[in-house]
Amino acid sequence: MRPAKLILATAIALAGFAGSAQATGPTLIRVDIAGQSQTFELKSSEPGVSRYEVIAQKWTQDGVTPTREILAYPPHFTVQPGESQAIKVLARVPHAKTEGTYRLFVRAVEGGSLSFSVPVFILSTDKAAAPVITVHRDGGSLVVTNSGDKTELIAATRSAAGDKNAMLYVLPHSTGKLDAAADVTSVVSRDRREYKVQ
C-alpha cells in the first residue's frame, strides 16, 4: 500500500495550546486514493503518564459529525513521559469528484491537557479540481462561497491599508462568513490567489 499524499508535512508546534505535549507529523493530510493510510506521531513531554483519544469527524461548513469514513488507529493510547505514539489514519471512502473533508481531534483524557485537530482531505478524482470562489459583503461580514470541488483556505483580507491575517476554510460547495472592515476590497488565499469583493 503506497503512502497517502501529504502537504505541509512539518512538525506541529503546539505553543498555542495548553499543556506541554508536542506532536510531530503533518499539519494537514491529503489522501489521493481511498484505502490508503498515513501515520503521524504524537510525542508527550508531560511529566507523567498521559492517556489520549483520537476522534475522526466528518467536516462540513456547519460543523463536524461522527463518521466511519476515515479511521484513526489506535483510537485510545497511553504515552509515557518523553515517549511517542504513532497514529495511523486510514481512508475508507470511494473515489468522488468532490474532495472529502474530515478532521481528526486529538485530546488528553487523563494526565495531560493537549488538544488539537488535524484537517484530512480525500482528494477529488478530477486532477484539475479547483476551488471556485465568489465574495460579497453582508454588513460587517464577507460571505465567501465555494462552488468548486476543492477546499480553499482564505488567509488574509486586503484593503488600501494592507493585508490583515484571516483564517477561513471554505469547503467544496459551501459558504462561510468572515468578519471584515468596510474598506476590505478582496480576500487572499493561502496560495496567494486574490478574490475581489463583488
N, C-alpha and C. Protein backbone atom coordinates (compact mmCIF):
# COMPACT_ATOMS: atom_id res chain seq x y z
N MET A 1 0.85 -1.19 0.00
CA MET A 1 0.00 0.00 0.00
C MET A 1 0.89 1.24 0.00
N ARG A 2 0.71 2.13 -0.98
CA ARG A 2 1.52 3.32 -1.05
C ARG A 2 1.07 4.32 0.00
N PRO A 3 1.99 5.20 0.46
CA PRO A 3 1.59 6.17 1.47
C PRO A 3 0.68 7.22 0.89
N ALA A 4 -0.14 7.82 1.77
CA ALA A 4 -1.01 8.91 1.34
C ALA A 4 -0.18 10.12 0.96
N LYS A 5 -0.73 10.94 0.11
CA LYS A 5 -0.06 12.16 -0.31
C LYS A 5 -0.24 13.23 0.76
N LEU A 6 0.85 13.88 1.17
CA LEU A 6 0.79 14.89 2.22
C LEU A 6 1.21 16.24 1.67
N ILE A 7 0.66 17.31 2.25
CA ILE A 7 1.25 18.62 2.10
C ILE A 7 1.48 19.19 3.49
N LEU A 8 2.41 20.15 3.59
CA LEU A 8 2.75 20.75 4.88
C LEU A 8 3.16 19.71 5.90
N ALA A 9 3.97 18.74 5.51
CA ALA A 9 4.38 17.67 6.42
C ALA A 9 5.52 18.15 7.30
N THR A 10 5.21 19.10 8.17
CA THR A 10 6.18 19.66 9.10
C THR A 10 5.73 19.39 10.52
N ALA A 11 6.62 19.62 11.47
CA ALA A 11 6.25 19.42 12.87
C ALA A 11 5.15 20.39 13.26
N ILE A 12 4.21 19.91 14.08
CA ILE A 12 3.15 20.77 14.58
C ILE A 12 3.66 21.42 15.86
N ALA A 13 3.83 22.72 15.85
CA ALA A 13 4.26 23.44 17.05
C ALA A 13 3.01 23.79 17.84
N LEU A 14 2.94 23.29 19.05
CA LEU A 14 1.73 23.45 19.86
C LEU A 14 1.92 24.48 20.96
N ALA A 15 2.72 25.49 20.69
CA ALA A 15 2.95 26.50 21.72
C ALA A 15 1.67 27.23 22.09
N GLY A 16 0.73 27.30 21.16
CA GLY A 16 -0.52 27.99 21.43
C GLY A 16 -1.53 27.15 22.15
N PHE A 17 -1.23 25.92 22.48
CA PHE A 17 -2.15 25.02 23.15
C PHE A 17 -1.75 24.84 24.60
N ALA A 18 -2.72 24.52 25.44
CA ALA A 18 -2.42 24.23 26.84
C ALA A 18 -1.61 22.94 26.93
N GLY A 19 -0.80 22.84 27.98
CA GLY A 19 -0.05 21.61 28.18
C GLY A 19 1.31 21.68 27.52
N SER A 20 2.13 20.67 27.78
CA SER A 20 3.49 20.67 27.25
C SER A 20 3.73 19.52 26.31
N ALA A 21 2.65 18.86 25.87
CA ALA A 21 2.83 17.79 24.90
C ALA A 21 3.21 18.38 23.56
N GLN A 22 3.81 17.56 22.73
CA GLN A 22 4.25 18.00 21.43
C GLN A 22 3.85 16.96 20.40
N ALA A 23 3.36 17.40 19.23
CA ALA A 23 3.03 16.48 18.16
C ALA A 23 3.92 16.75 16.97
N THR A 24 4.45 15.70 16.37
CA THR A 24 5.21 15.85 15.15
C THR A 24 4.52 15.05 14.06
N GLY A 25 4.46 15.61 12.84
CA GLY A 25 3.78 14.96 11.74
C GLY A 25 3.10 16.00 10.87
N PRO A 26 2.13 15.60 10.09
CA PRO A 26 1.51 16.55 9.16
C PRO A 26 0.60 17.54 9.86
N THR A 27 0.60 18.78 9.39
CA THR A 27 -0.39 19.75 9.85
C THR A 27 -1.65 19.68 9.01
N LEU A 28 -1.57 18.99 7.90
CA LEU A 28 -2.71 18.79 7.01
C LEU A 28 -2.44 17.54 6.21
N ILE A 29 -3.43 16.67 6.06
CA ILE A 29 -3.26 15.40 5.36
C ILE A 29 -4.13 15.38 4.11
N ARG A 30 -3.54 15.04 2.99
CA ARG A 30 -4.30 14.82 1.76
C ARG A 30 -4.10 13.38 1.32
N VAL A 31 -5.18 12.64 1.15
CA VAL A 31 -5.13 11.24 0.73
C VAL A 31 -5.63 11.17 -0.70
N ASP A 32 -4.83 10.58 -1.61
CA ASP A 32 -5.20 10.61 -3.02
C ASP A 32 -5.87 9.34 -3.52
N ILE A 33 -5.90 8.27 -2.71
CA ILE A 33 -6.60 7.05 -3.11
C ILE A 33 -7.27 6.47 -1.87
N ALA A 34 -8.56 6.16 -1.98
CA ALA A 34 -9.27 5.56 -0.85
C ALA A 34 -8.60 4.25 -0.45
N GLY A 35 -8.55 3.98 0.83
CA GLY A 35 -7.93 2.77 1.33
C GLY A 35 -6.48 2.94 1.69
N GLN A 36 -5.89 4.10 1.36
CA GLN A 36 -4.52 4.35 1.76
C GLN A 36 -4.48 4.80 3.21
N SER A 37 -3.28 4.83 3.75
CA SER A 37 -3.12 5.27 5.13
C SER A 37 -1.90 6.17 5.24
N GLN A 38 -1.89 6.94 6.32
CA GLN A 38 -0.76 7.79 6.63
C GLN A 38 -0.58 7.80 8.14
N THR A 39 0.64 7.89 8.58
CA THR A 39 0.94 7.86 10.01
C THR A 39 1.57 9.17 10.45
N PHE A 40 1.09 9.70 11.58
CA PHE A 40 1.80 10.80 12.21
C PHE A 40 2.09 10.43 13.65
N GLU A 41 2.93 11.21 14.29
CA GLU A 41 3.45 10.84 15.61
C GLU A 41 3.11 11.90 16.64
N LEU A 42 2.71 11.46 17.81
CA LEU A 42 2.49 12.35 18.94
C LEU A 42 3.52 12.03 20.01
N LYS A 43 4.27 13.05 20.42
CA LYS A 43 5.27 12.88 21.47
C LYS A 43 4.88 13.72 22.67
N SER A 44 4.85 13.13 23.84
CA SER A 44 4.43 13.83 25.05
C SER A 44 5.64 14.22 25.88
N SER A 45 5.67 15.48 26.30
CA SER A 45 6.68 15.93 27.26
C SER A 45 6.05 16.26 28.60
N GLU A 46 4.84 15.71 28.83
CA GLU A 46 4.21 15.84 30.14
C GLU A 46 5.07 15.12 31.18
N PRO A 47 5.05 15.58 32.45
CA PRO A 47 5.88 14.95 33.48
C PRO A 47 5.41 13.57 33.90
N GLY A 48 4.15 13.23 33.62
CA GLY A 48 3.63 11.93 34.00
C GLY A 48 3.03 11.18 32.83
N VAL A 49 2.48 10.02 33.10
CA VAL A 49 1.83 9.21 32.06
C VAL A 49 0.55 9.93 31.60
N SER A 50 0.32 9.97 30.29
CA SER A 50 -0.86 10.63 29.73
C SER A 50 -1.63 9.67 28.84
N ARG A 51 -2.96 9.73 28.94
CA ARG A 51 -3.84 8.95 28.08
C ARG A 51 -4.53 9.89 27.10
N TYR A 52 -4.59 9.45 25.84
CA TYR A 52 -5.17 10.28 24.78
C TYR A 52 -6.24 9.50 24.02
N GLU A 53 -7.10 10.26 23.35
CA GLU A 53 -8.05 9.67 22.41
C GLU A 53 -8.00 10.45 21.11
N VAL A 54 -8.29 9.74 20.01
CA VAL A 54 -8.35 10.35 18.68
C VAL A 54 -9.73 10.07 18.10
N ILE A 55 -10.41 11.13 17.70
CA ILE A 55 -11.78 11.01 17.19
C ILE A 55 -11.82 11.55 15.76
N ALA A 56 -12.32 10.75 14.83
CA ALA A 56 -12.50 11.18 13.44
C ALA A 56 -13.89 11.75 13.26
N GLN A 57 -13.98 12.88 12.55
CA GLN A 57 -15.26 13.54 12.33
C GLN A 57 -15.38 13.97 10.87
N LYS A 58 -16.59 13.84 10.34
CA LYS A 58 -16.90 14.40 9.03
C LYS A 58 -17.01 15.92 9.21
N TRP A 59 -16.42 16.66 8.31
CA TRP A 59 -16.33 18.12 8.44
C TRP A 59 -17.12 18.80 7.33
N THR A 60 -18.11 19.60 7.70
CA THR A 60 -18.84 20.44 6.76
C THR A 60 -18.72 21.88 7.23
N GLN A 61 -19.22 22.81 6.42
CA GLN A 61 -19.14 24.21 6.81
C GLN A 61 -19.96 24.50 8.06
N ASP A 62 -20.92 23.64 8.36
CA ASP A 62 -21.76 23.82 9.54
C ASP A 62 -21.18 23.21 10.81
N GLY A 63 -20.11 22.43 10.68
CA GLY A 63 -19.52 21.80 11.85
C GLY A 63 -19.06 20.39 11.56
N VAL A 64 -18.98 19.57 12.61
CA VAL A 64 -18.48 18.20 12.46
C VAL A 64 -19.49 17.21 13.01
N THR A 65 -19.47 16.00 12.45
CA THR A 65 -20.34 14.92 12.90
C THR A 65 -19.55 13.62 12.89
N PRO A 66 -19.95 12.64 13.71
CA PRO A 66 -19.23 11.36 13.75
C PRO A 66 -19.21 10.69 12.37
N THR A 67 -18.15 9.94 12.10
CA THR A 67 -18.02 9.26 10.81
C THR A 67 -17.21 7.98 10.97
N ARG A 68 -17.45 7.05 10.05
CA ARG A 68 -16.60 5.86 9.92
C ARG A 68 -15.90 5.87 8.56
N GLU A 69 -15.97 6.99 7.85
CA GLU A 69 -15.37 7.08 6.52
C GLU A 69 -13.85 7.20 6.59
N ILE A 70 -13.34 7.72 7.71
CA ILE A 70 -11.91 7.62 7.98
C ILE A 70 -11.75 7.07 9.40
N LEU A 71 -10.66 6.36 9.62
CA LEU A 71 -10.40 5.77 10.92
C LEU A 71 -9.02 6.20 11.41
N ALA A 72 -8.89 6.33 12.72
CA ALA A 72 -7.59 6.59 13.34
C ALA A 72 -7.29 5.42 14.27
N TYR A 73 -6.07 4.88 14.16
CA TYR A 73 -5.70 3.73 14.98
C TYR A 73 -4.32 3.94 15.58
N PRO A 74 -4.19 3.73 16.89
CA PRO A 74 -5.24 3.34 17.83
C PRO A 74 -6.10 4.55 18.23
N PRO A 75 -7.39 4.33 18.52
CA PRO A 75 -8.23 5.46 18.93
C PRO A 75 -7.97 5.90 20.35
N HIS A 76 -7.40 5.01 21.19
CA HIS A 76 -7.04 5.34 22.57
C HIS A 76 -5.64 4.79 22.82
N PHE A 77 -4.83 5.54 23.54
CA PHE A 77 -3.48 5.07 23.82
C PHE A 77 -2.91 5.82 25.01
N THR A 78 -1.85 5.26 25.58
CA THR A 78 -1.15 5.85 26.71
C THR A 78 0.28 6.15 26.29
N VAL A 79 0.77 7.33 26.68
CA VAL A 79 2.14 7.72 26.34
C VAL A 79 2.91 7.98 27.63
N GLN A 80 4.05 7.32 27.76
CA GLN A 80 4.93 7.55 28.89
C GLN A 80 5.69 8.87 28.69
N PRO A 81 6.16 9.51 29.76
CA PRO A 81 6.90 10.77 29.62
C PRO A 81 8.07 10.63 28.66
N GLY A 82 8.15 11.54 27.69
CA GLY A 82 9.25 11.54 26.73
C GLY A 82 9.13 10.54 25.61
N GLU A 83 8.07 9.73 25.61
CA GLU A 83 7.90 8.72 24.56
C GLU A 83 6.89 9.18 23.51
N SER A 84 6.77 8.40 22.43
CA SER A 84 5.93 8.78 21.30
C SER A 84 4.91 7.69 21.00
N GLN A 85 3.85 8.10 20.30
CA GLN A 85 2.84 7.16 19.81
C GLN A 85 2.56 7.45 18.34
N ALA A 86 2.69 6.44 17.50
CA ALA A 86 2.33 6.58 16.08
C ALA A 86 0.83 6.40 15.94
N ILE A 87 0.20 7.27 15.15
CA ILE A 87 -1.24 7.21 14.90
C ILE A 87 -1.45 7.04 13.39
N LYS A 88 -2.13 5.98 13.01
CA LYS A 88 -2.37 5.70 11.59
C LYS A 88 -3.76 6.20 11.20
N VAL A 89 -3.82 6.90 10.07
CA VAL A 89 -5.07 7.42 9.53
C VAL A 89 -5.40 6.64 8.27
N LEU A 90 -6.58 6.04 8.23
CA LEU A 90 -6.99 5.19 7.10
C LEU A 90 -8.27 5.75 6.49
N ALA A 91 -8.26 5.95 5.17
CA ALA A 91 -9.45 6.40 4.45
C ALA A 91 -10.24 5.19 3.96
N ARG A 92 -11.58 5.24 4.13
CA ARG A 92 -12.44 4.11 3.76
C ARG A 92 -13.55 4.55 2.83
N VAL A 93 -13.31 5.59 2.05
CA VAL A 93 -14.35 6.13 1.17
C VAL A 93 -13.97 5.89 -0.28
N PRO A 94 -14.96 5.70 -1.16
CA PRO A 94 -14.68 5.53 -2.59
C PRO A 94 -14.27 6.85 -3.22
N HIS A 95 -13.72 6.76 -4.42
CA HIS A 95 -13.37 7.96 -5.16
C HIS A 95 -14.62 8.80 -5.42
N ALA A 96 -14.45 10.11 -5.40
CA ALA A 96 -15.54 11.02 -5.69
C ALA A 96 -14.98 12.26 -6.37
N LYS A 97 -15.82 12.94 -7.14
CA LYS A 97 -15.38 14.14 -7.84
C LYS A 97 -15.12 15.28 -6.87
N THR A 98 -15.89 15.32 -5.79
CA THR A 98 -15.74 16.38 -4.80
C THR A 98 -14.82 15.92 -3.68
N GLU A 99 -13.87 16.75 -3.32
CA GLU A 99 -12.93 16.45 -2.24
C GLU A 99 -13.68 16.14 -0.94
N GLY A 100 -13.27 15.07 -0.25
CA GLY A 100 -13.85 14.74 1.05
C GLY A 100 -13.14 15.49 2.15
N THR A 101 -13.90 15.97 3.15
CA THR A 101 -13.32 16.82 4.18
C THR A 101 -13.63 16.25 5.57
N TYR A 102 -12.58 16.10 6.38
CA TYR A 102 -12.68 15.47 7.69
C TYR A 102 -11.72 16.18 8.66
N ARG A 103 -11.91 15.90 9.95
CA ARG A 103 -10.96 16.36 10.96
C ARG A 103 -10.69 15.24 11.96
N LEU A 104 -9.44 15.16 12.39
CA LEU A 104 -9.06 14.29 13.49
C LEU A 104 -8.83 15.14 14.73
N PHE A 105 -9.53 14.80 15.80
CA PHE A 105 -9.39 15.51 17.06
C PHE A 105 -8.58 14.65 18.02
N VAL A 106 -7.48 15.20 18.51
CA VAL A 106 -6.62 14.51 19.46
C VAL A 106 -6.70 15.27 20.78
N ARG A 107 -7.02 14.56 21.87
CA ARG A 107 -7.08 15.25 23.16
C ARG A 107 -6.67 14.31 24.29
N ALA A 108 -6.09 14.90 25.31
CA ALA A 108 -5.73 14.15 26.51
C ALA A 108 -6.98 13.91 27.34
N VAL A 109 -7.14 12.69 27.82
CA VAL A 109 -8.29 12.37 28.68
C VAL A 109 -7.85 12.11 30.12
N GLU A 110 -6.53 11.97 30.31
CA GLU A 110 -6.03 11.77 31.67
C GLU A 110 -4.54 12.09 31.70
N GLY A 111 -4.12 12.89 32.66
CA GLY A 111 -2.70 13.14 32.86
C GLY A 111 -2.08 14.17 31.95
N GLY A 112 -2.86 14.84 31.13
CA GLY A 112 -2.33 15.86 30.23
C GLY A 112 -3.42 16.85 29.86
N SER A 113 -3.07 17.84 29.04
CA SER A 113 -4.05 18.85 28.67
C SER A 113 -4.00 19.21 27.19
N LEU A 114 -3.29 18.41 26.39
CA LEU A 114 -3.17 18.67 24.96
C LEU A 114 -4.50 18.50 24.24
N SER A 115 -4.78 19.41 23.31
CA SER A 115 -5.98 19.30 22.48
C SER A 115 -5.72 20.01 21.16
N PHE A 116 -5.87 19.30 20.04
CA PHE A 116 -5.71 19.92 18.73
C PHE A 116 -6.43 19.09 17.69
N SER A 117 -6.60 19.65 16.49
CA SER A 117 -7.23 18.90 15.41
C SER A 117 -6.39 19.03 14.14
N VAL A 118 -6.50 18.02 13.28
CA VAL A 118 -5.77 17.98 12.02
C VAL A 118 -6.78 17.80 10.88
N PRO A 119 -6.83 18.74 9.91
CA PRO A 119 -7.71 18.53 8.75
C PRO A 119 -7.22 17.36 7.90
N VAL A 120 -8.17 16.59 7.37
CA VAL A 120 -7.87 15.48 6.46
C VAL A 120 -8.72 15.65 5.22
N PHE A 121 -8.09 15.65 4.05
CA PHE A 121 -8.80 15.82 2.79
C PHE A 121 -8.59 14.59 1.90
N ILE A 122 -9.69 14.04 1.39
CA ILE A 122 -9.63 12.96 0.41
C ILE A 122 -9.75 13.62 -0.96
N LEU A 123 -8.71 13.51 -1.76
CA LEU A 123 -8.63 14.27 -3.00
C LEU A 123 -9.70 13.87 -4.01
N SER A 124 -10.09 14.84 -4.82
CA SER A 124 -11.02 14.61 -5.93
C SER A 124 -10.40 13.67 -6.96
N THR A 125 -11.25 12.90 -7.64
CA THR A 125 -10.77 12.07 -8.75
C THR A 125 -10.38 12.92 -9.95
N ASP A 126 -10.84 14.16 -9.98
CA ASP A 126 -10.52 15.09 -11.06
C ASP A 126 -9.25 15.84 -10.69
N LYS A 127 -8.15 15.55 -11.37
CA LYS A 127 -6.88 16.19 -11.04
C LYS A 127 -6.91 17.69 -11.28
N ALA A 128 -7.86 18.15 -12.07
CA ALA A 128 -7.99 19.58 -12.33
C ALA A 128 -8.95 20.26 -11.36
N ALA A 129 -9.46 19.53 -10.38
CA ALA A 129 -10.41 20.11 -9.43
C ALA A 129 -9.80 21.34 -8.76
N ALA A 130 -10.62 22.36 -8.58
CA ALA A 130 -10.13 23.61 -8.00
C ALA A 130 -11.26 24.31 -7.27
N PRO A 131 -10.93 25.18 -6.33
CA PRO A 131 -11.98 26.00 -5.72
C PRO A 131 -12.49 27.03 -6.72
N VAL A 132 -13.77 27.37 -6.62
CA VAL A 132 -14.37 28.42 -7.43
C VAL A 132 -15.03 29.39 -6.45
N ILE A 133 -14.37 30.53 -6.22
CA ILE A 133 -14.73 31.41 -5.11
C ILE A 133 -15.41 32.68 -5.59
N THR A 134 -16.49 33.06 -4.92
CA THR A 134 -17.10 34.38 -5.07
C THR A 134 -17.24 34.99 -3.68
N VAL A 135 -17.13 36.32 -3.61
CA VAL A 135 -17.18 37.02 -2.33
C VAL A 135 -18.12 38.21 -2.44
N HIS A 136 -19.03 38.36 -1.49
CA HIS A 136 -19.84 39.58 -1.42
C HIS A 136 -20.00 40.00 0.03
N ARG A 137 -20.35 41.26 0.22
CA ARG A 137 -20.45 41.81 1.57
C ARG A 137 -21.86 41.67 2.12
N ASP A 138 -21.92 41.41 3.43
CA ASP A 138 -23.19 41.36 4.15
C ASP A 138 -22.96 42.08 5.47
N GLY A 139 -23.18 43.40 5.48
CA GLY A 139 -22.93 44.20 6.67
C GLY A 139 -21.46 44.20 7.02
N GLY A 140 -21.14 43.78 8.26
CA GLY A 140 -19.75 43.74 8.69
C GLY A 140 -19.04 42.46 8.36
N SER A 141 -19.63 41.64 7.51
CA SER A 141 -19.04 40.34 7.15
C SER A 141 -18.87 40.22 5.65
N LEU A 142 -17.94 39.37 5.26
CA LEU A 142 -17.83 38.95 3.88
C LEU A 142 -18.38 37.53 3.77
N VAL A 143 -19.22 37.30 2.78
CA VAL A 143 -19.78 35.98 2.53
C VAL A 143 -18.96 35.36 1.40
N VAL A 144 -18.30 34.25 1.70
CA VAL A 144 -17.40 33.60 0.75
C VAL A 144 -18.02 32.27 0.34
N THR A 145 -18.30 32.12 -0.96
CA THR A 145 -18.93 30.90 -1.48
C THR A 145 -17.95 30.16 -2.37
N ASN A 146 -17.87 28.85 -2.17
CA ASN A 146 -17.01 27.99 -2.97
C ASN A 146 -17.90 27.01 -3.74
N SER A 147 -18.04 27.21 -5.04
CA SER A 147 -18.84 26.31 -5.87
C SER A 147 -17.98 25.26 -6.56
N GLY A 148 -16.70 25.19 -6.21
CA GLY A 148 -15.81 24.21 -6.80
C GLY A 148 -15.74 22.92 -6.01
N ASP A 149 -14.88 22.00 -6.47
CA ASP A 149 -14.76 20.67 -5.87
C ASP A 149 -13.57 20.53 -4.94
N LYS A 150 -12.92 21.65 -4.60
CA LYS A 150 -11.74 21.59 -3.74
C LYS A 150 -11.82 22.71 -2.70
N THR A 151 -11.34 22.43 -1.49
CA THR A 151 -11.36 23.40 -0.40
C THR A 151 -10.41 24.56 -0.68
N GLU A 152 -10.82 25.74 -0.25
CA GLU A 152 -9.93 26.91 -0.30
C GLU A 152 -9.74 27.44 1.12
N LEU A 153 -8.52 27.84 1.43
CA LEU A 153 -8.22 28.45 2.73
C LEU A 153 -7.96 29.93 2.51
N ILE A 154 -8.88 30.76 3.01
CA ILE A 154 -8.69 32.20 2.96
C ILE A 154 -7.74 32.58 4.09
N ALA A 155 -6.65 33.27 3.75
CA ALA A 155 -5.60 33.54 4.71
C ALA A 155 -5.48 35.02 5.07
N ALA A 156 -6.07 35.92 4.28
CA ALA A 156 -5.94 37.35 4.56
C ALA A 156 -7.06 38.12 3.89
N THR A 157 -7.35 39.31 4.45
CA THR A 157 -8.21 40.28 3.77
C THR A 157 -7.32 41.41 3.30
N ARG A 158 -7.71 42.06 2.21
CA ARG A 158 -6.86 43.09 1.60
C ARG A 158 -7.63 44.39 1.47
N SER A 159 -7.01 45.49 1.91
CA SER A 159 -7.58 46.82 1.77
C SER A 159 -6.46 47.78 1.40
N ALA A 160 -6.80 49.06 1.27
CA ALA A 160 -5.79 50.05 0.93
C ALA A 160 -4.73 50.15 2.01
N ALA A 161 -5.09 49.77 3.24
CA ALA A 161 -4.15 49.81 4.37
C ALA A 161 -3.23 48.60 4.41
N GLY A 162 -3.45 47.62 3.54
CA GLY A 162 -2.61 46.43 3.51
C GLY A 162 -3.37 45.17 3.90
N ASP A 163 -2.66 44.06 3.90
CA ASP A 163 -3.26 42.77 4.23
C ASP A 163 -3.39 42.60 5.75
N LYS A 164 -4.48 41.95 6.16
CA LYS A 164 -4.66 41.57 7.56
C LYS A 164 -4.92 40.08 7.63
N ASN A 165 -4.33 39.44 8.62
CA ASN A 165 -4.48 37.99 8.76
C ASN A 165 -5.95 37.60 8.93
N ALA A 166 -6.31 36.51 8.30
CA ALA A 166 -7.65 35.95 8.42
C ALA A 166 -7.51 34.44 8.33
N MET A 167 -8.54 33.72 8.72
CA MET A 167 -8.49 32.26 8.62
C MET A 167 -9.89 31.74 8.41
N LEU A 168 -10.12 31.23 7.22
CA LEU A 168 -11.43 30.65 6.90
C LEU A 168 -11.24 29.55 5.88
N TYR A 169 -11.53 28.30 6.27
CA TYR A 169 -11.62 27.22 5.31
C TYR A 169 -13.01 27.30 4.67
N VAL A 170 -13.05 27.35 3.33
CA VAL A 170 -14.33 27.30 2.61
C VAL A 170 -14.35 25.97 1.88
N LEU A 171 -15.15 25.05 2.39
CA LEU A 171 -15.17 23.68 1.87
C LEU A 171 -15.92 23.63 0.54
N PRO A 172 -15.75 22.55 -0.24
CA PRO A 172 -16.41 22.47 -1.55
C PRO A 172 -17.93 22.62 -1.44
N HIS A 173 -18.49 23.39 -2.37
CA HIS A 173 -19.94 23.59 -2.47
C HIS A 173 -20.52 24.08 -1.14
N SER A 174 -19.82 25.04 -0.54
CA SER A 174 -20.21 25.56 0.77
C SER A 174 -20.01 27.07 0.82
N THR A 175 -20.58 27.69 1.86
CA THR A 175 -20.46 29.12 2.07
C THR A 175 -20.07 29.39 3.52
N GLY A 176 -19.12 30.31 3.69
CA GLY A 176 -18.70 30.72 5.03
C GLY A 176 -18.68 32.22 5.15
N LYS A 177 -18.59 32.71 6.39
CA LYS A 177 -18.56 34.15 6.65
C LYS A 177 -17.26 34.52 7.34
N LEU A 178 -16.79 35.74 7.02
CA LEU A 178 -15.54 36.25 7.56
C LEU A 178 -15.74 37.70 7.96
N ASP A 179 -15.49 38.04 9.22
CA ASP A 179 -15.59 39.44 9.65
C ASP A 179 -14.54 40.27 8.93
N ALA A 180 -14.95 41.45 8.45
CA ALA A 180 -14.02 42.29 7.70
C ALA A 180 -14.44 43.74 7.79
N ALA A 181 -13.45 44.62 7.86
CA ALA A 181 -13.72 46.05 7.90
C ALA A 181 -14.34 46.52 6.58
N ALA A 182 -14.97 47.69 6.63
CA ALA A 182 -15.71 48.20 5.47
C ALA A 182 -14.81 48.50 4.29
N ASP A 183 -13.50 48.75 4.53
CA ASP A 183 -12.62 49.10 3.42
C ASP A 183 -11.96 47.90 2.75
N VAL A 184 -12.29 46.70 3.20
CA VAL A 184 -11.72 45.50 2.58
C VAL A 184 -12.30 45.31 1.18
N THR A 185 -11.45 45.14 0.20
CA THR A 185 -11.89 45.01 -1.19
C THR A 185 -11.67 43.62 -1.77
N SER A 186 -10.89 42.78 -1.09
CA SER A 186 -10.64 41.44 -1.60
C SER A 186 -10.13 40.56 -0.47
N VAL A 187 -10.12 39.24 -0.73
CA VAL A 187 -9.52 38.28 0.18
C VAL A 187 -8.45 37.52 -0.57
N VAL A 188 -7.51 36.96 0.19
CA VAL A 188 -6.36 36.29 -0.40
C VAL A 188 -6.26 34.88 0.16
N SER A 189 -6.04 33.90 -0.71
CA SER A 189 -5.95 32.51 -0.27
C SER A 189 -4.55 32.21 0.26
N ARG A 190 -4.41 31.06 0.90
CA ARG A 190 -3.11 30.59 1.38
C ARG A 190 -2.09 30.55 0.24
N ASP A 191 -2.56 30.23 -0.98
CA ASP A 191 -1.67 30.15 -2.14
C ASP A 191 -1.55 31.46 -2.88
N ARG A 192 -2.00 32.57 -2.23
CA ARG A 192 -1.90 33.94 -2.75
C ARG A 192 -2.80 34.21 -3.94
N ARG A 193 -3.88 33.43 -4.09
CA ARG A 193 -4.90 33.78 -5.07
C ARG A 193 -5.76 34.89 -4.47
N GLU A 194 -6.06 35.91 -5.28
CA GLU A 194 -6.85 37.03 -4.77
C GLU A 194 -8.26 36.97 -5.35
N TYR A 195 -9.26 37.18 -4.48
CA TYR A 195 -10.66 37.17 -4.88
C TYR A 195 -11.29 38.51 -4.50
N LYS A 196 -11.79 39.24 -5.49
CA LYS A 196 -12.37 40.56 -5.27
C LYS A 196 -13.76 40.45 -4.65
N VAL A 197 -14.08 41.42 -3.77
CA VAL A 197 -15.43 41.52 -3.23
C VAL A 197 -16.33 42.08 -4.32
N GLN A 198 -17.40 41.37 -4.62
CA GLN A 198 -18.29 41.79 -5.71
C GLN A 198 -19.35 42.76 -5.20
